């Protein structure tokens, strides 16, 4: 409901992601929340980076790289992101 009321509020997606991932332990739901957030905010790199971290922690390196690179398109000066991409190549 919170997402429906304010789909552009990135912190809502982040908070729900953290709730499902860490408190509930539902990784599938946590992933779906981030994917929906990216669909609703396709030009904001914030959730892309979080999803990249999520995939990296799960060992899904190609998925992590995809979202890190996608985020870099919208935040090309992000040096930490560039280092993460280089580290995973």
Protein backbone atom coordinates (compact mmCIF):
# COMPACT_ATOMS: atom_id res chain seq x y z
CA UNK A 1 0.00 0.00 0.00
CA UNK A 2 2.84 2.42 0.83
CA UNK A 3 4.34 1.86 -2.62
CA UNK A 4 1.01 2.44 -4.36
CA UNK A 5 0.57 5.74 -2.53
CA UNK A 6 4.06 7.06 -3.31
CA UNK A 7 5.87 5.08 -6.03
CA UNK A 8 8.63 7.70 -6.36
CA UNK A 9 9.65 7.49 -2.69
CA UNK A 10 12.82 5.41 -2.90
CA UNK A 11 13.16 5.09 0.86
CA UNK A 12 9.84 3.22 0.93
CA UNK A 13 11.23 0.52 -1.35
CA UNK A 14 14.46 0.43 0.62
CA UNK A 15 12.64 0.11 3.95
CA UNK A 16 10.37 -2.65 2.64
CA UNK A 17 13.37 -4.43 1.10
CA UNK A 18 15.21 -4.35 4.43
CA UNK A 19 12.11 -5.50 6.29
CA UNK A 20 11.60 -8.53 4.05
CA UNK A 21 15.27 -9.37 3.74
CA UNK A 22 16.46 -8.98 7.31
CA UNK A 23 13.39 -9.17 9.56
CA UNK A 24 11.15 -11.58 7.66
CA UNK A 25 13.88 -13.46 5.81
CA UNK A 26 11.92 -13.53 2.54
CA UNK A 27 14.64 -13.01 -0.07
CA UNK A 28 12.28 -13.48 -3.02
CA UNK A 29 9.94 -10.76 -1.77
CA UNK A 30 12.89 -8.47 -1.02
CA UNK A 31 14.17 -8.91 -4.57
CA UNK A 32 10.71 -8.27 -6.06
CA UNK A 33 10.38 -5.04 -4.10
CA UNK A 34 13.66 -3.73 -5.51
CA UNK A 35 12.71 -4.78 -9.05
CA UNK A 36 9.38 -2.99 -8.73
CA UNK A 37 11.13 0.08 -7.38
CA UNK A 38 13.43 0.11 -10.39
CA UNK A 39 10.45 -0.31 -12.72
CA UNK A 40 8.70 2.61 -11.01
CA UNK A 41 11.88 4.76 -10.97
CA UNK A 42 13.87 3.63 -14.02
CA UNK A 43 16.26 6.59 -14.09
CA UNK A 44 17.35 6.57 -10.46
CA UNK A 45 20.50 4.54 -9.70
CA UNK A 46 19.92 4.14 -5.95
CA UNK A 47 17.81 0.97 -6.04
CA UNK A 48 19.91 -0.44 -8.89
CA UNK A 49 22.96 -0.25 -6.65
CA UNK A 50 21.11 -1.91 -3.77
CA UNK A 51 19.92 -4.68 -6.08
CA UNK A 52 23.48 -5.09 -7.35
CA UNK A 53 24.70 -5.50 -3.77
CA UNK A 54 21.89 -7.98 -3.10
CA UNK A 55 22.88 -10.07 -6.12
CA UNK A 56 26.58 -9.85 -5.29
CA UNK A 57 25.92 -11.12 -1.76
CA UNK A 58 23.91 -14.01 -3.23
CA UNK A 59 26.78 -14.88 -5.59
CA UNK A 60 24.88 -13.79 -8.71
CA UNK A 61 27.82 -11.85 -10.10
CA UNK A 62 26.52 -11.37 -13.66
CA UNK A 63 23.25 -9.95 -12.30
CA UNK A 64 25.17 -7.71 -9.89
CA UNK A 65 27.34 -6.40 -12.72
CA UNK A 66 24.28 -5.74 -14.88
CA UNK A 67 22.67 -3.52 -12.24
CA UNK A 68 25.93 -1.83 -11.25
CA UNK A 69 26.56 -0.94 -14.90
CA UNK A 70 22.99 0.22 -15.33
CA UNK A 71 23.34 2.45 -12.26
CA UNK A 72 26.60 3.85 -13.60
CA UNK A 73 24.77 5.08 -16.70
CA UNK A 74 22.78 7.42 -14.43
CA UNK A 75 25.64 8.21 -12.03
CA UNK A 76 28.79 8.19 -14.20
CA UNK A 77 30.93 9.99 -11.61
CA UNK A 78 30.37 7.35 -8.91
CA UNK A 79 33.93 6.16 -8.23
CA UNK A 80 32.89 3.52 -5.68
CA UNK A 81 30.56 1.99 -8.24
CA UNK A 82 33.33 1.94 -10.85
CA UNK A 83 35.57 0.12 -8.36
CA UNK A 84 32.84 -2.44 -7.65
CA UNK A 85 32.44 -3.10 -11.37
CA UNK A 86 36.20 -3.49 -11.86
CA UNK A 87 36.42 -5.79 -8.84
CA UNK A 88 33.73 -8.11 -10.21
CA UNK A 89 34.98 -8.31 -13.80
